[in-house]
Amino acid sequence: MNILKTTLLMALLTGLMVAVGGSLGGSQGAFVMLIFSLGMNFFTYWFSDSMILKSYDAREISEHDSPQLYNIVKNLAQKANLPMPRIYVINSPVPNAFATGRNPSHAAVAVTTGIMQALDYNEISGVLGHELAHVKHRDILIGTIAAAMAGVISMIAQIAQWGALLGSNRDDDDNGGALGFIVTAIIAPFAAMLIQMAISRSREYDADKTGGELCGDPRYLASALEKIEYYARNAQPMQQAGTSTAHMFIVNPLEGSKKVLKNLFSTHPSTEERISLLREQASRMNLLT
């Protein structure tokens, strides 16, 4: 069901890009956007991980650099029957983590320096179990492509808005001007955002469940989420974090800057709900005392 849902969502997002192209340039614009979306899929498949890691100035580490962190990832990868991923550290006091890569054989996990200070061994295991679950489910590539497409649609919408503000002297009736502007500049980016969030939010629940199993006790992950959420709400947002990659983190690093319509416009499900589900999972595993 997850594969089918994701395929449908990605097809809808590609169709939305084609519709935007058609609104701006007719059949020729639609064709250009179709080719562009296919090309973007290819580009993000091969280069998304290196681009994202570079944007966060992430530093790859070895077992010698951080034996404890390396061993946690190694043990979890073996338990998940995954190849050993590359490990990166981001210099940020705000605890958080994400995974990236085009497939399990070319995967990487990244943690902030803050997560090593704020969380204990078991909680870090829960976080990295969640991230390796994303690798196992092949979530990260899908989310990256969706984010890239949504970003392009929003960029095109902004161009359309500026074009309207600067004034094209065409009648609104020409080529459905007013309607085309509304679809391109307002409805399309809003729909793209909702599609991107739907992909991200549905995947977080599955990664939490698998991550709770991999670390041996879902309460480890629940405790980690509680702490990371606290920092995300009360500390300064990560300086490197941006809206295009916020959905990749285990907790939205921009959480503290969101004030309006938080639940609707969040790239992540409610942390409180995630914690509750993890505790229910622990209860089913007869781990609660």
C-alpha atoms as a PDB file:
ATOM      1  CA  MET A   1       0.000   0.000   0.000  1.00  0.00           C
ATOM      2  CA  ASN A   2       2.853   2.403   0.805  1.00  0.00           C
ATOM      3  CA  ILE A   3       4.486   1.780  -2.568  1.00  0.00           C
ATOM      4  CA  LEU A   4       1.171   2.248  -4.379  1.00  0.00           C
ATOM      5  CA  LYS A   5       0.348   5.407  -2.425  1.00  0.00           C
ATOM      6  CA  THR A   6       3.754   6.922  -3.071  1.00  0.00           C
ATOM      7  CA  THR A   7       3.589   6.085  -6.772  1.00  0.00           C
ATOM      8  CA  LEU A   8       0.201   7.759  -7.069  1.00  0.00           C
ATOM      9  CA  LEU A   9       1.378  10.827  -5.164  1.00  0.00           C
ATOM     10  CA  MET A  10       4.480  11.172  -7.316  1.00  0.00           C
ATOM     11  CA  ALA A  11       2.409  10.770 -10.476  1.00  0.00           C
ATOM     12  CA  LEU A  12       0.053  13.475  -9.232  1.00  0.00           C
ATOM     13  CA  LEU A  13       2.960  15.808  -8.490  1.00  0.00           C
ATOM     14  CA  THR A  14       4.431  15.219 -11.963  1.00  0.00           C
ATOM     15  CA  GLY A  15       1.004  15.872 -13.459  1.00  0.00           C
ATOM     16  CA  LEU A  16       0.789  19.079 -11.464  1.00  0.00           C
ATOM     17  CA  MET A  17       4.096  20.253 -12.934  1.00  0.00           C
ATOM     18  CA  VAL A  18       2.795  19.513 -16.435  1.00  0.00           C
ATOM     19  CA  ALA A  19      -0.405  21.440 -15.657  1.00  0.00           C
ATOM     20  CA  VAL A  20       1.626  24.427 -14.473  1.00  0.00           C
ATOM     21  CA  GLY A  21       3.680  24.299 -17.657  1.00  0.00           C
ATOM     22  CA  GLY A  22       0.503  24.160 -19.706  1.00  0.00           C
ATOM     23  CA  SER A  23      -0.968  27.112 -17.832  1.00  0.00           C
ATOM     24  CA  LEU A  24       2.089  29.224 -18.618  1.00  0.00           C
ATOM     25  CA  GLY A  25       2.982  28.008 -22.093  1.00  0.00           C
ATOM     26  CA  GLY A  26       0.192  25.886 -23.517  1.00  0.00           C
ATOM     27  CA  SER A  27       0.972  22.450 -24.950  1.00  0.00           C
ATOM     28  CA  GLN A  28       4.597  23.376 -25.507  1.00  0.00           C
ATOM     29  CA  GLY A  29       4.952  24.455 -21.880  1.00  0.00           C
ATOM     30  CA  ALA A  30       3.329  21.225 -20.685  1.00  0.00           C
ATOM     31  CA  PHE A  31       5.742  19.150 -22.766  1.00  0.00           C
ATOM     32  CA  VAL A  32       8.740  21.108 -21.480  1.00  0.00           C
ATOM     33  CA  MET A  33       7.647  20.569 -17.872  1.00  0.00           C
ATOM     34  CA  LEU A  34       7.120  16.854 -18.484  1.00  0.00           C
ATOM     35  CA  ILE A  35      10.655  16.495 -19.829  1.00  0.00           C
ATOM     36  CA  PHE A  36      11.962  18.687 -17.024  1.00  0.00           C
ATOM     37  CA  SER A  37      10.256  16.603 -14.317  1.00  0.00           C
ATOM     38  CA  LEU A  38      11.671  13.386 -15.775  1.00  0.00           C
ATOM     39  CA  GLY A  39      15.136  14.933 -15.957  1.00  0.00           C
ATOM     40  CA  MET A  40      14.841  16.168 -12.382  1.00  0.00           C
ATOM     41  CA  ASN A  41      13.910  12.677 -11.229  1.00  0.00           C
ATOM     42  CA  PHE A  42      17.073  11.348 -12.882  1.00  0.00           C
ATOM     43  CA  PHE A  43      19.292  14.107 -11.445  1.00  0.00           C
ATOM     44  CA  THR A  44      17.994  13.779  -7.886  1.00  0.00           C
ATOM     45  CA  TYR A  45      18.337   9.991  -8.059  1.00  0.00           C
ATOM     46  CA  TRP A  46      22.094  10.246  -8.616  1.00  0.00           C
ATOM     47  CA  PHE A  47      23.096  13.434  -6.806  1.00  0.00           C
ATOM     48  CA  SER A  48      20.526  14.300  -4.114  1.00  0.00           C
ATOM     49  CA  ASP A  49      22.467  12.768  -1.227  1.00  0.00           C
ATOM     50  CA  SER A  50      25.765  14.524  -1.930  1.00  0.00           C
ATOM     51  CA  MET A  51      23.971  17.848  -2.524  1.00  0.00           C
ATOM     52  CA  ILE A  52      22.086  17.667   0.767  1.00  0.00           C
ATOM     53  CA  LEU A  53      25.100  16.595   2.821  1.00  0.00           C
ATOM     54  CA  LYS A  54      27.174  19.376   1.295  1.00  0.00           C
ATOM     55  CA  SER A  55      24.486  21.954   2.018  1.00  0.00           C
ATOM     56  CA  TYR A  56      24.717  21.051   5.713  1.00  0.00           C
ATOM     57  CA  ASP A  57      28.528  20.984   5.664  1.00  0.00           C
ATOM     58  CA  ALA A  58      28.336  17.422   6.993  1.00  0.00           C
ATOM     59  CA  ARG A  59      31.631  15.673   7.785  1.00  0.00           C
ATOM     60  CA  GLU A  60      32.018  11.948   7.184  1.00  0.00           C
ATOM     61  CA  ILE A  61      33.425  10.049  10.150  1.00  0.00           C
ATOM     62  CA  SER A  62      35.027   6.652  10.615  1.00  0.00           C
ATOM     63  CA  GLU A  63      35.012   4.119  13.433  1.00  0.00           C
ATOM     64  CA  HIS A  64      38.206   5.716  14.728  1.00  0.00           C
ATOM     65  CA  ASP A  65      36.537   9.139  14.963  1.00  0.00           C
ATOM     66  CA  SER A  66      33.519   8.005  16.984  1.00  0.00           C
ATOM     67  CA  PRO A  67      33.585   4.311  17.986  1.00  0.00           C
ATOM     68  CA  GLN A  68      30.314   4.445  19.943  1.00  0.00           C
ATOM     69  CA  LEU A  69      28.304   6.071  17.179  1.00  0.00           C
ATOM     70  CA  TYR A  70      29.841   3.792  14.571  1.00  0.00           C
ATOM     71  CA  ASN A  71      29.002   0.665  16.584  1.00  0.00           C
ATOM     72  CA  ILE A  72      25.398   1.754  17.117  1.00  0.00           C
ATOM     73  CA  VAL A  73      24.904   2.184  13.367  1.00  0.00           C
ATOM     74  CA  LYS A  74      26.753  -1.044  12.590  1.00  0.00           C
ATOM     75  CA  ASN A  75      24.649  -3.130  14.997  1.00  0.00           C
ATOM     76  CA  LEU A  76      21.383  -1.622  13.784  1.00  0.00           C
ATOM     77  CA  ALA A  77      22.336  -2.094  10.125  1.00  0.00           C
ATOM     78  CA  GLN A  78      23.125  -5.760  10.763  1.00  0.00           C
ATOM     79  CA  LYS A  79      19.806  -6.231  12.571  1.00  0.00           C
ATOM     80  CA  ALA A  80      17.966  -4.587   9.668  1.00  0.00           C
ATOM     81  CA  ASN A  81      19.922  -6.680   7.147  1.00  0.00           C
ATOM     82  CA  LEU A  82      21.269  -3.532   5.501  1.00  0.00           C
ATOM     83  CA  PRO A  83      24.714  -2.639   4.141  1.00  0.00           C
ATOM     84  CA  MET A  84      26.739  -0.404   6.438  1.00  0.00           C
ATOM     85  CA  PRO A  85      25.807   3.206   5.578  1.00  0.00           C
ATOM     86  CA  ARG A  86      28.219   6.116   5.616  1.00  0.00           C
ATOM     87  CA  ILE A  87      28.038   8.210   8.790  1.00  0.00           C
ATOM     88  CA  TYR A  88      28.143  12.010   8.845  1.00  0.00           C
ATOM     89  CA  VAL A  89      28.193  14.601  11.617  1.00  0.00           C
ATOM     90  CA  ILE A  90      26.727  18.107  11.302  1.00  0.00           C
ATOM     91  CA  ASN A  91      28.169  20.794  13.519  1.00  0.00           C
ATOM     92  CA  SER A  92      25.028  22.069  15.249  1.00  0.00           C
ATOM     93  CA  PRO A  93      24.089  22.203  18.946  1.00  0.00           C
ATOM     94  CA  VAL A  94      20.460  21.400  18.095  1.00  0.00           C
ATOM     95  CA  PRO A  95      19.845  17.617  18.331  1.00  0.00           C
ATOM     96  CA  ASN A  96      18.491  16.091  15.118  1.00  0.00           C
ATOM     97  CA  ALA A  97      19.250  13.487  12.450  1.00  0.00           C
ATOM     98  CA  PHE A  98      18.338  12.405   8.935  1.00  0.00           C
ATOM     99  CA  ALA A  99      19.161   9.737   6.366  1.00  0.00           C
ATOM    100  CA  THR A 100      19.748  10.119   2.650  1.00  0.00           C
ATOM    101  CA  GLY A 101      20.839   8.105  -0.378  1.00  0.00           C
ATOM    102  CA  ARG A 102      19.379   6.635  -3.541  1.00  0.00           C
ATOM    103  CA  ASN A 103      19.169   3.071  -2.211  1.00  0.00           C
ATOM    104  CA  PRO A 104      20.354   0.959   0.762  1.00  0.00           C
ATOM    105  CA  SER A 105      23.702   0.291  -0.915  1.00  0.00           C
ATOM    106  CA  HIS A 106      24.386   4.028  -1.247  1.00  0.00           C
ATOM    107  CA  ALA A 107      22.913   5.303   2.006  1.00  0.00           C
ATOM    108  CA  ALA A 108      24.161   7.758   4.596  1.00  0.00           C
ATOM    109  CA  VAL A 109      22.961   8.794   8.042  1.00  0.00           C
ATOM    110  CA  ALA A 110      23.748  12.186   9.505  1.00  0.00           C
ATOM    111  CA  VAL A 111      23.483  13.344  13.107  1.00  0.00           C
ATOM    112  CA  THR A 112      24.166  16.708  14.684  1.00  0.00           C
ATOM    113  CA  THR A 113      26.819  17.167  17.343  1.00  0.00           C
ATOM    114  CA  GLY A 114      23.999  18.235  19.651  1.00  0.00           C
ATOM    115  CA  ILE A 115      22.323  14.843  19.516  1.00  0.00           C
ATOM    116  CA  MET A 116      25.408  13.222  21.004  1.00  0.00           C
ATOM    117  CA  GLN A 117      25.182  15.540  24.001  1.00  0.00           C
ATOM    118  CA  ALA A 118      21.419  15.649  24.580  1.00  0.00           C
ATOM    119  CA  LEU A 119      20.568  11.949  24.174  1.00  0.00           C
ATOM    120  CA  ASP A 120      21.823   8.812  25.905  1.00  0.00           C
ATOM    121  CA  TYR A 121      23.011   5.617  24.214  1.00  0.00           C
ATOM    122  CA  ASN A 122      19.557   3.991  24.051  1.00  0.00           C
ATOM    123  CA  GLU A 123      17.874   7.126  22.721  1.00  0.00           C
ATOM    124  CA  ILE A 124      20.507   7.530  20.008  1.00  0.00           C
ATOM    125  CA  SER A 125      19.861   3.888  19.069  1.00  0.00           C
ATOM    126  CA  GLY A 126      16.163   4.717  18.725  1.00  0.00           C
ATOM    127  CA  VAL A 127      16.869   7.705  16.486  1.00  0.00           C
ATOM    128  CA  LEU A 128      19.285   5.811  14.254  1.00  0.00           C
ATOM    129  CA  GLY A 129      16.896   2.853  14.125  1.00  0.00           C
ATOM    130  CA  HIS A 130      14.273   5.264  12.771  1.00  0.00           C
ATOM    131  CA  GLU A 131      16.692   6.599  10.157  1.00  0.00           C
ATOM    132  CA  LEU A 132      17.762   3.124   9.038  1.00  0.00           C
ATOM    133  CA  ALA A 133      14.079   2.240   8.752  1.00  0.00           C
ATOM    134  CA  HIS A 134      13.808   5.055   6.208  1.00  0.00           C
ATOM    135  CA  VAL A 135      16.738   3.512   4.344  1.00  0.00           C
ATOM    136  CA  LYS A 136      15.142   0.062   4.466  1.00  0.00           C
ATOM    137  CA  HIS A 137      11.813   1.419   3.209  1.00  0.00           C
ATOM    138  CA  ARG A 138      13.546   3.513   0.500  1.00  0.00           C
ATOM    139  CA  ASP A 139      11.791   6.627   1.761  1.00  0.00           C
ATOM    140  CA  ILE A 140      14.500   9.255   1.457  1.00  0.00           C
ATOM    141  CA  LEU A 141      14.841   9.317  -2.325  1.00  0.00           C
ATOM    142  CA  ILE A 142      11.083   9.624  -2.730  1.00  0.00           C
ATOM    143  CA  GLY A 143      10.887  12.509  -0.281  1.00  0.00           C
ATOM    144  CA  THR A 144      13.791  14.307  -1.930  1.00  0.00           C
ATOM    145  CA  ILE A 145      12.260  14.080  -5.406  1.00  0.00           C
ATOM    146  CA  ALA A 146       8.911  15.287  -4.087  1.00  0.00           C
ATOM    147  CA  ALA A 147      10.592  18.220  -2.330  1.00  0.00           C
ATOM    148  CA  ALA A 148      12.506  19.140  -5.476  1.00  0.00           C
ATOM    149  CA  MET A 149       9.392  19.068  -7.653  1.00  0.00           C
ATOM    150  CA  ALA A 150       7.374  21.065  -5.135  1.00  0.00           C
ATOM    151  CA  GLY A 151      10.180  23.603  -4.954  1.00  0.00           C
ATOM    152  CA  VAL A 152      10.248  24.000  -8.743  1.00  0.00           C
ATOM    153  CA  ILE A 153       6.488  24.483  -8.897  1.00  0.00           C
ATOM    154  CA  SER A 154       6.664  27.141  -6.182  1.00  0.00           C
ATOM    155  CA  MET A 155       9.524  28.858  -8.021  1.00  0.00           C
ATOM    156  CA  ILE A 156       7.520  28.939 -11.249  1.00  0.00           C
ATOM    157  CA  ALA A 157       4.548  30.290  -9.319  1.00  0.00           C
ATOM    158  CA  GLN A 158       6.691  33.101  -7.932  1.00  0.00           C
ATOM    159  CA  ILE A 159       7.851  33.955 -11.451  1.00  0.00           C
ATOM    160  CA  ALA A 160       4.202  34.081 -12.536  1.00  0.00           C
ATOM    161  CA  GLN A 161       3.325  36.328  -9.605  1.00  0.00           C
ATOM    162  CA  TRP A 162       6.170  38.733 -10.373  1.00  0.00           C
ATOM    163  CA  GLY A 163       5.189  38.716 -14.024  1.00  0.00           C
ATOM    164  CA  ALA A 164       1.673  39.739 -13.077  1.00  0.00           C
ATOM    165  CA  LEU A 165       2.882  42.429 -10.673  1.00  0.00           C
ATOM    166  CA  LEU A 166       5.311  43.880 -13.191  1.00  0.00           C
ATOM    167  CA  GLY A 167       2.445  43.890 -15.652  1.00  0.00           C
ATOM    168  CA  SER A 168       1.995  42.080 -18.875  1.00  0.00           C
ATOM    169  CA  ASN A 169      -0.335  44.228 -20.938  1.00  0.00           C
ATOM    170  CA  ARG A 170      -2.370  41.259 -22.044  1.00  0.00           C
ATOM    171  CA  ASP A 171      -6.059  41.034 -21.453  1.00  0.00           C
ATOM    172  CA  ASP A 172      -7.133  38.652 -18.715  1.00  0.00           C
ATOM    173  CA  ASP A 173      -9.292  36.962 -21.304  1.00  0.00           C
ATOM    174  CA  ASP A 174      -6.315  36.014 -23.456  1.00  0.00           C
ATOM    175  CA  ASN A 175      -5.460  32.355 -22.887  1.00  0.00           C
ATOM    176  CA  GLY A 176      -7.591  32.357 -19.738  1.00  0.00           C
ATOM    177  CA  GLY A 177      -5.245  34.889 -18.126  1.00  0.00           C
ATOM    178  CA  ALA A 178      -6.911  35.366 -14.733  1.00  0.00           C
ATOM    179  CA  LEU A 179      -7.758  31.698 -14.285  1.00  0.00           C
ATOM    180  CA  GLY A 180      -4.315  30.619 -15.445  1.00  0.00           C
ATOM    181  CA  PHE A 181      -2.683  33.013 -13.007  1.00  0.00           C
ATOM    182  CA  ILE A 182      -4.769  31.713 -10.093  1.00  0.00           C
ATOM    183  CA  VAL A 183      -3.977  28.089 -10.900  1.00  0.00           C
ATOM    184  CA  THR A 184      -0.280  28.741 -11.462  1.00  0.00           C
ATOM    185  CA  ALA A 185       0.447  31.224  -8.705  1.00  0.00           C
ATOM    186  CA  ILE A 186      -1.820  30.018  -5.893  1.00  0.00           C
ATOM    187  CA  ILE A 187      -3.397  26.594  -6.304  1.00  0.00           C
ATOM    188  CA  ALA A 188      -0.400  24.753  -7.799  1.00  0.00           C
ATOM    189  CA  PRO A 189       2.165  25.543  -5.070  1.00  0.00           C
ATOM    190  CA  PHE A 190      -0.418  24.853  -2.368  1.00  0.00           C
ATOM    191  CA  ALA A 191      -1.259  21.466  -3.885  1.00  0.00           C
ATOM    192  CA  ALA A 192       2.441  20.652  -4.319  1.00  0.00           C
ATOM    193  CA  MET A 193       3.053  21.423  -0.646  1.00  0.00           C
ATOM    194  CA  LEU A 194       0.191  19.161   0.451  1.00  0.00           C
ATOM    195  CA  ILE A 195       1.466  16.301  -1.730  1.00  0.00           C
ATOM    196  CA  GLN A 196       4.994  16.666  -0.352  1.00  0.00           C
ATOM    197  CA  MET A 197       3.687  16.622   3.219  1.00  0.00           C
ATOM    198  CA  ALA A 198       1.469  13.595   2.575  1.00  0.00           C
ATOM    199  CA  ILE A 199       4.480  11.603   1.411  1.00  0.00           C
ATOM    200  CA  SER A 200       6.566  12.658   4.389  1.00  0.00           C
ATOM    201  CA  ARG A 201       3.987  12.252   7.143  1.00  0.00           C
ATOM    202  CA  SER A 202       2.811   8.809   6.073  1.00  0.00           C
ATOM    203  CA  ARG A 203       6.392   7.550   6.030  1.00  0.00           C
ATOM    204  CA  GLU A 204       7.242   8.801   9.533  1.00  0.00           C
ATOM    205  CA  TYR A 205       4.777   6.452  11.210  1.00  0.00           C
ATOM    206  CA  ASP A 206       6.221   3.422   9.425  1.00  0.00           C
ATOM    207  CA  ALA A 207       9.796   4.470  10.245  1.00  0.00           C
ATOM    208  CA  ASP A 208       8.888   4.948  13.910  1.00  0.00           C
ATOM    209  CA  LYS A 209       7.405   1.464  14.097  1.00  0.00           C
ATOM    210  CA  THR A 210      10.362  -0.239  12.413  1.00  0.00           C
ATOM    211  CA  GLY A 211      12.842   1.924  14.309  1.00  0.00           C
ATOM    212  CA  GLY A 212      11.248   0.909  17.601  1.00  0.00           C
ATOM    213  CA  GLU A 213      11.702  -2.730  16.654  1.00  0.00           C
ATOM    214  CA  LEU A 214      15.310  -2.304  15.527  1.00  0.00           C
ATOM    215  CA  CYS A 215      16.477  -0.560  18.702  1.00  0.00           C
ATOM    216  CA  GLY A 216      14.794  -3.217  20.848  1.00  0.00           C
ATOM    217  CA  ASP A 217      12.436  -0.928  22.771  1.00  0.00           C
ATOM    218  CA  PRO A 218      10.130   1.688  21.187  1.00  0.00           C
ATOM    219  CA  ARG A 219      10.372   3.701  24.400  1.00  0.00           C
ATOM    220  CA  TYR A 220      13.954   4.606  23.504  1.00  0.00           C
ATOM    221  CA  LEU A 221      12.725   6.348  20.369  1.00  0.00           C
ATOM    222  CA  ALA A 222       9.754   7.891  22.211  1.00  0.00           C
ATOM    223  CA  SER A 223      12.107   9.425  24.790  1.00  0.00           C
ATOM    224  CA  ALA A 224      14.419  10.691  22.046  1.00  0.00           C
ATOM    225  CA  LEU A 225      11.543  12.318  20.156  1.00  0.00           C
ATOM    226  CA  GLU A 226      10.405  14.048  23.328  1.00  0.00           C
ATOM    227  CA  LYS A 227      13.841  15.578  23.865  1.00  0.00           C
ATOM    228  CA  ILE A 228      14.409  16.550  20.221  1.00  0.00           C
ATOM    229  CA  GLU A 229      10.950  18.135  20.064  1.00  0.00           C
ATOM    230  CA  TYR A 230      11.760  20.193  23.166  1.00  0.00           C
ATOM    231  CA  TYR A 231      14.913  21.581  21.560  1.00  0.00           C
ATOM    232  CA  ALA A 232      13.142  22.180  18.247  1.00  0.00           C
ATOM    233  CA  ARG A 233      10.457  24.231  20.000  1.00  0.00           C
ATOM    234  CA  ASN A 234      12.632  26.166  22.427  1.00  0.00           C
ATOM    235  CA  ALA A 235      16.084  26.499  20.893  1.00  0.00           C
ATOM    236  CA  GLN A 236      17.059  28.568  17.884  1.00  0.00           C
ATOM    237  CA  PRO A 237      16.284  26.746  14.591  1.00  0.00           C
ATOM    238  CA  MET A 238      19.237  25.076  12.914  1.00  0.00           C
ATOM    239  CA  GLN A 239      21.106  27.707  10.940  1.00  0.00           C
ATOM    240  CA  GLN A 240      21.629  25.359   7.987  1.00  0.00           C
ATOM    241  CA  ALA A 241      18.041  24.086   7.876  1.00  0.00           C
ATOM    242  CA  GLY A 242      15.698  25.094   5.063  1.00  0.00           C
ATOM    243  CA  THR A 243      12.099  24.378   4.166  1.00  0.00           C
ATOM    244  CA  SER A 244      13.086  22.192   1.204  1.00  0.00           C
ATOM    245  CA  THR A 245      14.911  19.647   3.408  1.00  0.00           C
ATOM    246  CA  ALA A 246      13.135  20.046   6.770  1.00  0.00           C
ATOM    247  CA  HIS A 247      10.970  16.993   6.084  1.00  0.00           C
ATOM    248  CA  MET A 248      14.053  14.753   6.011  1.00  0.00           C
ATOM    249  CA  PHE A 249      14.860  15.208   9.707  1.00  0.00           C
ATOM    250  CA  ILE A 250      13.390  12.997  12.421  1.00  0.00           C
ATOM    251  CA  VAL A 251      11.778  16.139  13.891  1.00  0.00           C
ATOM    252  CA  ASN A 252      11.178  19.277  11.844  1.00  0.00           C
ATOM    253  CA  PRO A 253      14.161  21.545  12.669  1.00  0.00           C
ATOM    254  CA  LEU A 254      12.012  24.606  11.923  1.00  0.00           C
ATOM    255  CA  GLU A 255       9.327  23.586  14.407  1.00  0.00           C
ATOM    256  CA  GLY A 256       9.868  26.598  16.628  1.00  0.00           C
ATOM    257  CA  SER A 257       9.247  29.038  13.768  1.00  0.00           C
ATOM    258  CA  LYS A 258       5.831  27.623  12.865  1.00  0.00           C
ATOM    259  CA  LYS A 259       2.979  29.364  14.622  1.00  0.00           C
ATOM    260  CA  VAL A 260      -0.068  29.222  12.324  1.00  0.00           C
ATOM    261  CA  LEU A 261      -1.972  26.125  11.200  1.00  0.00           C
ATOM    262  CA  LYS A 262       0.829  23.979  12.591  1.00  0.00           C
ATOM    263  CA  ASN A 263      -0.837  20.587  12.214  1.00  0.00           C
ATOM    264  CA  LEU A 264      -1.999  21.171   8.630  1.00  0.00           C
ATOM    265  CA  PHE A 265       1.244  22.632   7.321  1.00  0.00           C
ATOM    266  CA  SER A 266       3.727  20.449   9.196  1.00  0.00           C
ATOM    267  CA  THR A 267       5.924  18.059   7.227  1.00  0.00           C
ATOM    268  CA  HIS A 268       5.796  15.703  10.225  1.00  0.00           C
ATOM    269  CA  PRO A 269       2.919  14.169  12.152  1.00  0.00           C
ATOM    270  CA  SER A 270       2.363  15.340  15.710  1.00  0.00           C
ATOM    271  CA  THR A 271       5.281  14.325  17.930  1.00  0.00           C
ATOM    272  CA  GLU A 272       2.844  13.695  20.781  1.00  0.00           C
ATOM    273  CA  GLU A 273       0.931  11.242  18.600  1.00  0.00           C
ATOM    274  CA  ARG A 274       4.148   9.534  17.501  1.00  0.00           C
ATOM    275  CA  ILE A 275       5.218   9.107  21.119  1.00  0.00           C
ATOM    276  CA  SER A 276       1.805   7.711  22.056  1.00  0.00           C
ATOM    277  CA  LEU A 277       1.937   5.163  19.227  1.00  0.00           C
ATOM    278  CA  LEU A 278       5.452   4.096  20.230  1.00  0.00           C
ATOM    279  CA  ARG A 279       4.330   3.508  23.804  1.00  0.00           C
ATOM    280  CA  GLU A 280       1.399   1.476  22.546  1.00  0.00           C
ATOM    281  CA  GLN A 281       3.860  -0.538  20.459  1.00  0.00           C
ATOM    282  CA  ALA A 282       5.999  -1.149  23.547  1.00  0.00           C
ATOM    283  CA  SER A 283       2.897  -2.321  25.396  1.00  0.00           C
ATOM    284  CA  ARG A 284       2.097  -4.825  22.649  1.00  0.00           C
ATOM    285  CA  MET A 285       5.682  -6.070  22.886  1.00  0.00           C
ATOM    286  CA  ASN A 286       5.141  -6.555  26.660  1.00  0.00           C
ATOM    287  CA  LEU A 287       7.930  -4.099  27.455  1.00  0.00           C
ATOM    288  CA  LEU A 288       5.980  -1.732  29.699  1.00  0.00           C
ATOM    289  CA  THR A 289       6.071  -2.397  33.430  1.00  0.00           C
END
